[in-house]
Amino acid sequence: MDKKQEELLINLTSANGIAGNEGQVRQVFKDYSADYVDEFVEDGLGGLFGKKTGDANGPTIMLAGHLDEVGFMVTQITEKGFIKFQPIGGWWSQVLLAQEVTITTGQGTTVDGVIGSKPPHILPAEVRNKTVDIKDMYIDVAATSKEEVESWGVRPGDMITPSIEFKRMNKSKYLMAKAWDNRIGTAVAAQLLKELKGKKHPNIIYSGANVQEEVGLRGARVAAHMLKPDLSFALDTGIPGDTPGIAPHEADSVLGKGPQILVYDASMIPHRGLRDYVIDLAEELEIPFQYATVAGGGTDAGGQHISLNGIPSLAICIPVRYLHSHASIIHEDDYHNTVRLVTALVERLDAKALETIKANV
């Protein structure tokens, strides 16, 4: 991976951005992509796309990561200066206790904190093996009063995000960071624009990222309504099955074996013609990929495909270990092969391909 791409991944995962607070991430995408687009277009909720016209008479293609990560929101400051919070996106309470977090104030300043936990010494035996409800958790910011916390600029509604630094693990191709869901999809969208610089493509593309995916695929419908694409792709993350405790029927993808083509999830059954076109192309070009299903989740393709009069859509996902936690892991080969696949798609999706795809429904 070249230095500029690695810096992109570091900057995207270091940025803080829960649903409704995606400004930092949007700016990283914009800074990286500015030299590779004809123009940027932004929807009313903050979704951002780089437009690049290859053939003005060709089909319009939407490729969307999402800017937001799972996190929390300040809901209350107690009299003694502790923070109560609301999850923004899906969390399993067992991954939260004693984890470091960052609160970003309305002025853009940050406050460090840690989610409090009781030491085992004072826990009765029957309590030690029970999970703690998120509603009973709090954040310790080392303050002595509500007034002190407020003097730092913290208010209800402020964003809270995990605190962890990007790390290449033990000189390998495994990369650990917060927010791979879905900064890695956003990185693919940005790198696609760079890959197409100076190249011809028989279509108009909008490559970028939606907002508010983690709270119900909200931004996807807004962006699709604005862009009115003929075809759309969600560039997202998926669940691998290569760690202990995950059964093959739950997930069977392996990090480093290529992007996932989602053949089913709870938000969408993909368009058959588009699914088969992508699979055939990947096989032709010998780009590794994996089939995947997700019974209990979805991607922005689920919102995009039911927009307007129905848009043929597909989710292409990068497998990520430990999704929706402080520290998640990807394999850099999966990132590169996803960029290869979406670049090849854009280079081939012309009016004739669109006609073939739409006929196979």
Protein backbone atom coordinates (compact mmCIF):
# COMPACT_ATOMS: atom_id res chain seq x y z
CA MET A 1 0.00 0.00 0.00
CA ASP A 2 1.44 3.37 -0.94
CA LYS A 3 1.92 6.05 1.68
CA LYS A 4 -0.91 8.27 0.45
CA GLN A 5 -3.46 5.47 0.65
CA GLU A 6 -2.33 4.50 4.13
CA GLU A 7 -2.61 8.14 5.20
CA LEU A 8 -6.15 8.18 3.82
CA LEU A 9 -7.07 5.17 5.97
CA ILE A 10 -5.43 6.70 9.03
CA ASN A 11 -7.17 10.04 8.53
CA LEU A 12 -10.58 8.48 7.90
CA THR A 13 -10.47 6.22 10.94
CA SER A 14 -9.01 8.95 13.16
CA ALA A 15 -11.84 11.31 12.28
CA ASN A 16 -14.85 11.23 14.59
CA GLY A 17 -18.31 11.06 13.06
CA ILE A 18 -21.49 9.45 14.35
CA ALA A 19 -24.81 9.77 12.51
CA GLY A 20 -25.72 13.43 12.17
CA ASN A 21 -22.15 14.51 12.98
CA GLU A 22 -20.20 13.42 9.92
CA GLY A 23 -18.43 16.70 9.14
CA GLN A 24 -14.87 15.61 10.01
CA VAL A 25 -15.10 12.51 7.83
CA ARG A 26 -16.70 14.42 4.96
CA GLN A 27 -13.76 16.83 4.96
CA VAL A 28 -11.17 14.02 4.82
CA PHE A 29 -12.94 12.52 1.81
CA LYS A 30 -13.16 15.90 0.11
CA ASP A 31 -9.49 16.76 0.69
CA TYR A 32 -8.32 13.44 -0.76
CA SER A 33 -10.64 13.45 -3.78
CA ALA A 34 -10.59 17.11 -4.81
CA ASP A 35 -8.09 16.66 -7.67
CA TYR A 36 -9.95 13.69 -9.15
CA VAL A 37 -13.53 14.93 -9.58
CA ASP A 38 -15.41 17.20 -11.95
CA GLU A 39 -17.38 18.53 -8.99
CA PHE A 40 -18.72 17.57 -5.59
CA VAL A 41 -22.43 17.27 -4.91
CA GLU A 42 -23.90 17.19 -1.41
CA ASP A 43 -27.40 16.26 -0.31
CA GLY A 44 -29.41 18.08 2.34
CA LEU A 45 -28.35 15.71 5.14
CA GLY A 46 -24.64 15.86 4.32
CA GLY A 47 -24.00 12.92 2.01
CA LEU A 48 -21.10 13.79 -0.30
CA PHE A 49 -20.27 12.47 -3.77
CA GLY A 50 -17.58 13.20 -6.31
CA LYS A 51 -19.00 13.39 -9.82
CA LYS A 52 -16.95 12.24 -12.79
CA THR A 53 -18.37 12.22 -16.30
CA GLY A 54 -16.88 9.78 -18.76
CA ASP A 55 -19.74 9.64 -21.27
CA ALA A 56 -22.60 12.06 -20.70
CA ASN A 57 -24.90 9.74 -22.65
CA GLY A 58 -24.01 6.67 -20.59
CA PRO A 59 -25.74 5.34 -17.49
CA THR A 60 -25.47 7.08 -14.13
CA ILE A 61 -23.86 4.95 -11.43
CA MET A 62 -23.90 5.60 -7.69
CA LEU A 63 -21.18 4.07 -5.48
CA ALA A 64 -21.70 4.84 -1.80
CA GLY A 65 -19.87 4.12 1.38
CA HIS A 66 -21.24 5.73 4.52
CA LEU A 67 -19.55 8.40 6.58
CA ASP A 68 -20.97 7.59 10.01
CA GLU A 69 -19.61 5.19 12.61
CA VAL A 70 -21.35 3.68 15.61
CA GLY A 71 -20.94 5.76 18.76
CA PHE A 72 -22.93 7.55 21.41
CA MET A 73 -24.54 10.85 22.30
CA VAL A 74 -24.41 12.76 25.57
CA THR A 75 -27.87 12.75 27.18
CA GLN A 76 -27.21 13.96 30.72
CA ILE A 77 -24.49 15.38 32.97
CA THR A 78 -24.94 14.33 36.59
CA GLU A 79 -24.44 16.72 39.49
CA LYS A 80 -21.11 15.01 40.25
CA GLY A 81 -19.89 15.42 36.66
CA PHE A 82 -20.47 11.98 35.18
CA ILE A 83 -21.87 11.57 31.65
CA LYS A 84 -24.91 9.50 30.75
CA PHE A 85 -25.22 8.53 27.11
CA GLN A 86 -27.39 7.09 24.34
CA PRO A 87 -26.03 4.58 21.79
CA ILE A 88 -26.09 5.80 18.19
CA GLY A 89 -26.07 2.58 16.18
CA GLY A 90 -25.96 -1.01 17.35
CA TRP A 91 -23.77 -1.97 20.30
CA TRP A 92 -23.38 -5.12 22.38
CA SER A 93 -23.07 -3.91 25.96
CA GLN A 94 -20.38 -6.48 26.76
CA VAL A 95 -17.77 -4.67 24.63
CA LEU A 96 -18.11 -1.30 26.39
CA LEU A 97 -17.04 -1.31 30.04
CA ALA A 98 -13.68 0.34 30.82
CA GLN A 99 -13.22 1.49 27.22
CA GLU A 100 -11.81 4.92 26.41
CA VAL A 101 -13.98 7.42 24.55
CA THR A 102 -13.76 10.92 23.11
CA ILE A 103 -16.49 13.53 23.54
CA THR A 104 -16.54 16.18 20.80
CA THR A 105 -18.21 19.41 21.87
CA GLY A 106 -20.26 21.71 19.69
CA GLN A 107 -17.21 23.98 19.45
CA GLY A 108 -15.10 21.13 18.11
CA THR A 109 -12.97 20.66 21.23
CA THR A 110 -12.53 17.18 22.68
CA VAL A 111 -12.86 15.75 26.16
CA ASP A 112 -11.34 12.38 27.10
CA GLY A 113 -13.31 9.88 29.11
CA VAL A 114 -13.65 6.24 30.08
CA ILE A 115 -16.79 4.16 30.52
CA GLY A 116 -16.85 3.29 34.20
CA SER A 117 -16.82 -0.24 35.58
CA LYS A 118 -16.94 -1.82 39.03
CA PRO A 119 -13.90 -3.80 40.20
CA PRO A 120 -14.62 -7.53 40.60
CA HIS A 121 -13.71 -7.40 44.29
CA ILE A 122 -17.08 -5.91 45.20
CA LEU A 123 -19.27 -7.84 42.78
CA PRO A 124 -21.40 -10.66 44.19
CA ALA A 125 -20.81 -14.00 42.47
CA GLU A 126 -24.22 -13.94 40.82
CA VAL A 127 -23.48 -10.54 39.22
CA ARG A 128 -20.01 -11.25 37.81
CA ASN A 129 -21.27 -13.23 34.81
CA LYS A 130 -24.09 -10.84 33.93
CA THR A 131 -23.81 -8.10 31.34
CA VAL A 132 -24.44 -4.50 32.34
CA ASP A 133 -27.24 -2.62 30.60
CA ILE A 134 -26.04 0.38 28.58
CA LYS A 135 -28.66 2.52 30.30
CA ASP A 136 -26.85 1.87 33.59
CA MET A 137 -23.41 2.89 32.27
CA TYR A 138 -21.71 6.26 32.61
CA ILE A 139 -18.59 8.03 31.36
CA ASP A 140 -15.98 9.32 33.79
CA VAL A 141 -14.26 12.48 32.52
CA ALA A 142 -12.38 13.17 35.77
CA ALA A 143 -14.60 16.09 36.71
CA THR A 144 -15.92 17.00 40.15
CA SER A 145 -19.20 18.67 39.19
CA LYS A 146 -21.74 19.30 36.48
CA GLU A 147 -20.58 22.90 36.29
CA GLU A 148 -17.00 21.85 35.61
CA VAL A 149 -18.06 19.60 32.73
CA GLU A 150 -20.23 22.35 31.27
CA SER A 151 -17.32 24.78 31.51
CA TRP A 152 -15.47 22.49 29.09
CA GLY A 153 -18.26 23.00 26.55
CA VAL A 154 -19.96 19.60 26.95
CA ARG A 155 -23.72 19.64 26.38
CA PRO A 156 -26.47 17.07 25.80
CA GLY A 157 -26.45 16.07 22.13
CA ASP A 158 -22.65 16.08 21.83
CA MET A 159 -20.96 13.24 19.95
CA ILE A 160 -19.09 10.43 21.71
CA THR A 161 -16.79 8.09 19.80
CA PRO A 162 -14.36 5.25 20.64
CA SER A 163 -10.79 6.31 21.30
CA ILE A 164 -8.14 4.13 19.62
CA GLU A 165 -5.27 4.72 17.20
CA PHE A 166 -4.79 3.10 13.78
CA LYS A 167 -2.27 0.30 13.92
CA ARG A 168 -0.65 -2.05 11.38
CA MET A 169 -0.54 -5.23 13.40
CA ASN A 170 2.90 -6.75 13.82
CA LYS A 171 4.19 -5.68 10.39
CA SER A 172 1.44 -7.68 8.69
CA LYS A 173 -1.33 -6.82 6.23
CA TYR A 174 -3.85 -6.74 9.07
CA LEU A 175 -4.91 -3.21 10.01
CA MET A 176 -6.64 -2.34 13.29
CA ALA A 177 -8.61 0.85 13.93
CA LYS A 178 -11.95 2.12 15.05
CA ALA A 179 -14.73 2.78 12.56
CA TRP A 180 -13.72 0.50 9.68
CA ASP A 181 -17.51 0.33 9.43
CA ASN A 182 -17.60 2.22 7.25
CA ARG A 183 -14.52 4.30 6.71
CA ILE A 184 -13.11 1.49 4.56
CA GLY A 185 -16.07 1.74 2.15
CA THR A 186 -15.56 5.49 2.06
CA ALA A 187 -11.86 4.91 1.31
CA VAL A 188 -12.78 2.64 -1.63
CA ALA A 189 -15.06 5.37 -3.00
CA ALA A 190 -12.28 7.94 -2.72
CA GLN A 191 -9.61 5.69 -4.22
CA LEU A 192 -11.91 4.80 -7.13
CA LEU A 193 -11.99 8.46 -8.13
CA LYS A 194 -8.20 8.55 -8.06
CA GLU A 195 -7.92 5.33 -10.11
CA LEU A 196 -10.12 6.85 -12.82
CA LYS A 197 -8.06 10.01 -13.21
CA GLY A 198 -7.12 10.31 -16.87
CA LYS A 199 -9.08 7.18 -17.84
CA LYS A 200 -12.12 6.89 -20.06
CA HIS A 201 -15.30 5.30 -18.70
CA PRO A 202 -18.64 4.92 -20.53
CA ASN A 203 -20.86 6.45 -17.86
CA ILE A 204 -21.38 9.15 -15.26
CA ILE A 205 -20.34 8.15 -11.77
CA TYR A 206 -21.06 9.56 -8.36
CA SER A 207 -18.62 8.03 -5.91
CA GLY A 208 -18.83 9.04 -2.26
CA ALA A 209 -20.66 8.30 0.94
CA ASN A 210 -24.07 8.60 2.56
CA VAL A 211 -24.83 9.78 6.07
CA GLN A 212 -26.82 8.17 8.89
CA GLU A 213 -26.54 4.56 7.75
CA GLU A 214 -26.13 3.23 11.28
CA VAL A 215 -29.51 4.56 12.39
CA GLY A 216 -31.64 3.04 9.64
CA LEU A 217 -30.12 3.65 6.17
CA ARG A 218 -31.57 7.17 6.24
CA GLY A 219 -29.09 9.04 4.08
CA ALA A 220 -29.15 6.43 1.32
CA ARG A 221 -32.67 7.29 0.21
CA VAL A 222 -31.95 11.01 0.27
CA ALA A 223 -28.79 10.64 -1.83
CA ALA A 224 -30.43 8.27 -4.32
CA HIS A 225 -33.30 10.71 -4.75
CA MET A 226 -30.80 13.48 -5.49
CA LEU A 227 -28.53 11.51 -7.85
CA LYS A 228 -31.22 9.47 -9.66
CA PRO A 229 -28.81 6.67 -10.64
CA ASP A 230 -29.52 3.87 -13.09
CA LEU A 231 -27.50 1.47 -10.93
CA SER A 232 -26.26 1.72 -7.36
CA PHE A 233 -23.69 0.01 -5.19
CA ALA A 234 -23.22 0.09 -1.45
CA LEU A 235 -19.55 -0.14 -0.46
CA ASP A 236 -19.74 -1.45 3.07
CA THR A 237 -18.40 -3.98 5.55
CA GLY A 238 -19.31 -7.58 6.27
CA ILE A 239 -18.82 -10.27 8.87
CA PRO A 240 -16.04 -12.85 8.47
CA GLY A 241 -16.17 -16.29 10.01
CA ASP A 242 -12.46 -16.84 10.58
CA THR A 243 -12.28 -16.30 14.34
CA PRO A 244 -13.12 -18.70 17.18
CA GLY A 245 -16.77 -18.92 18.17
CA ILE A 246 -18.37 -18.10 14.81
CA ALA A 247 -20.06 -21.09 13.22
CA PRO A 248 -19.88 -21.65 9.42
CA HIS A 249 -23.63 -21.13 9.10
CA GLU A 250 -23.26 -17.69 10.73
CA ALA A 251 -20.42 -16.48 8.50
CA ASP A 252 -17.76 -18.23 6.43
CA SER A 253 -15.74 -15.44 4.82
CA VAL A 254 -12.02 -15.15 5.54
CA LEU A 255 -9.96 -11.98 5.82
CA GLY A 256 -7.61 -11.64 2.84
CA LYS A 257 -9.73 -13.75 0.47
CA GLY A 258 -11.45 -10.84 -1.27
CA PRO A 259 -14.53 -8.63 -0.98
CA GLN A 260 -17.91 -10.11 -0.19
CA ILE A 261 -20.74 -10.00 -2.71
CA LEU A 262 -23.86 -9.92 -0.59
CA VAL A 263 -26.46 -12.28 -2.04
CA TYR A 264 -28.93 -11.68 0.81
CA ASP A 265 -29.35 -9.43 3.83
CA ALA A 266 -32.23 -8.27 5.97
CA SER A 267 -32.60 -5.02 4.00
CA MET A 268 -32.44 -6.26 0.42
CA ILE A 269 -32.46 -9.11 -2.06
CA PRO A 270 -30.01 -7.81 -4.67
CA HIS A 271 -30.97 -7.30 -8.29
CA ARG A 272 -30.25 -10.61 -10.01
CA GLY A 273 -28.93 -9.12 -13.23
CA LEU A 274 -26.54 -6.79 -11.46
CA ARG A 275 -25.40 -9.51 -9.05
CA ASP A 276 -24.62 -11.91 -11.89
CA TYR A 277 -22.87 -9.20 -13.94
CA VAL A 278 -20.52 -8.40 -11.05
CA ILE A 279 -19.79 -12.05 -10.31
CA ASP A 280 -19.08 -12.81 -13.98
CA LEU A 281 -16.72 -9.84 -14.22
CA ALA A 282 -14.84 -10.78 -11.04
CA GLU A 283 -14.40 -14.33 -12.31
CA GLU A 284 -13.28 -13.14 -15.76
CA LEU A 285 -10.63 -10.83 -14.28
CA GLU A 286 -9.66 -13.32 -11.57
CA ILE A 287 -10.43 -10.86 -8.80
CA PRO A 288 -10.99 -12.90 -5.63
CA PHE A 289 -14.38 -12.52 -3.98
CA GLN A 290 -16.58 -14.29 -1.46
CA TYR A 291 -20.32 -14.89 -1.30
CA ALA A 292 -22.00 -13.68 1.88
CA THR A 293 -25.40 -13.49 3.55
CA VAL A 294 -26.40 -11.45 6.60
CA ALA A 295 -29.66 -12.47 8.22
CA GLY A 296 -29.72 -9.71 10.83
CA GLY A 297 -28.40 -6.56 9.20
CA GLY A 298 -28.33 -4.49 6.04
CA THR A 299 -26.43 -1.92 4.01
CA ASP A 300 -27.29 1.32 2.26
CA ALA A 301 -28.13 -0.70 -0.83
CA GLY A 302 -31.28 -1.58 1.10
CA GLY A 303 -32.29 2.08 1.11
CA GLN A 304 -31.02 2.85 -2.36
CA HIS A 305 -32.82 0.01 -4.15
CA ILE A 306 -36.30 1.12 -3.02
CA SER A 307 -35.76 4.77 -3.90
CA LEU A 308 -37.44 6.44 -6.90
CA ASN A 309 -39.08 3.70 -8.99
CA GLY A 310 -36.64 1.03 -7.84
CA ILE A 311 -32.90 1.04 -8.58
CA PRO A 312 -30.95 -2.15 -9.40
CA SER A 313 -28.53 -2.33 -6.48
CA LEU A 314 -25.86 -4.51 -4.92
CA ALA A 315 -23.69 -4.42 -1.79
CA ILE A 316 -19.96 -5.11 -2.13
CA CYS A 317 -18.45 -5.50 1.33
CA ILE A 318 -15.04 -5.79 2.93
CA PRO A 319 -14.93 -8.36 5.76
CA VAL A 320 -14.12 -6.82 9.14
CA ARG A 321 -13.41 -8.60 12.40
CA TYR A 322 -15.08 -7.22 15.56
CA LEU A 323 -17.60 -4.93 13.88
CA HIS A 324 -19.32 -2.36 16.10
CA SER A 325 -16.63 -2.34 18.75
CA HIS A 326 -13.71 -0.09 19.67
CA ALA A 327 -11.11 -2.09 17.74
CA SER A 328 -11.83 -3.77 14.41
CA ILE A 329 -9.48 -5.45 11.92
CA ILE A 330 -9.31 -5.62 8.11
CA HIS A 331 -6.87 -7.18 5.66
CA GLU A 332 -5.40 -4.70 3.21
CA ASP A 333 -5.63 -7.14 0.27
CA ASP A 334 -9.43 -7.03 0.61
CA TYR A 335 -9.31 -3.26 0.28
CA HIS A 336 -7.13 -3.41 -2.83
CA ASN A 337 -9.25 -6.09 -4.49
CA THR A 338 -12.42 -4.14 -3.80
CA VAL A 339 -10.88 -1.11 -5.49
CA ARG A 340 -9.89 -3.33 -8.42
CA LEU A 341 -13.42 -4.69 -8.74
CA VAL A 342 -15.29 -1.40 -8.60
CA THR A 343 -12.78 0.23 -10.98
CA ALA A 344 -13.31 -2.58 -13.50
CA LEU A 345 -17.07 -2.22 -13.15
CA VAL A 346 -16.98 1.50 -13.87
CA GLU A 347 -14.74 0.94 -16.88
CA ARG A 348 -17.29 -1.50 -18.40
CA LEU A 349 -20.77 -0.40 -17.36
CA ASP A 350 -22.05 1.16 -20.56
CA ALA A 351 -25.55 1.52 -21.96
CA LYS A 352 -25.49 -1.98 -23.43
CA ALA A 353 -24.44 -3.51 -20.10
CA LEU A 354 -27.23 -1.63 -18.34
CA GLU A 355 -29.76 -3.00 -20.83
CA THR A 356 -28.49 -6.56 -20.26
CA ILE A 357 -28.58 -6.15 -16.49
CA LYS A 358 -32.10 -4.73 -16.37
CA ALA A 359 -33.41 -7.48 -18.65
CA ASN A 360 -32.22 -10.13 -16.18
CA VAL A 361 -34.53 -9.44 -13.24
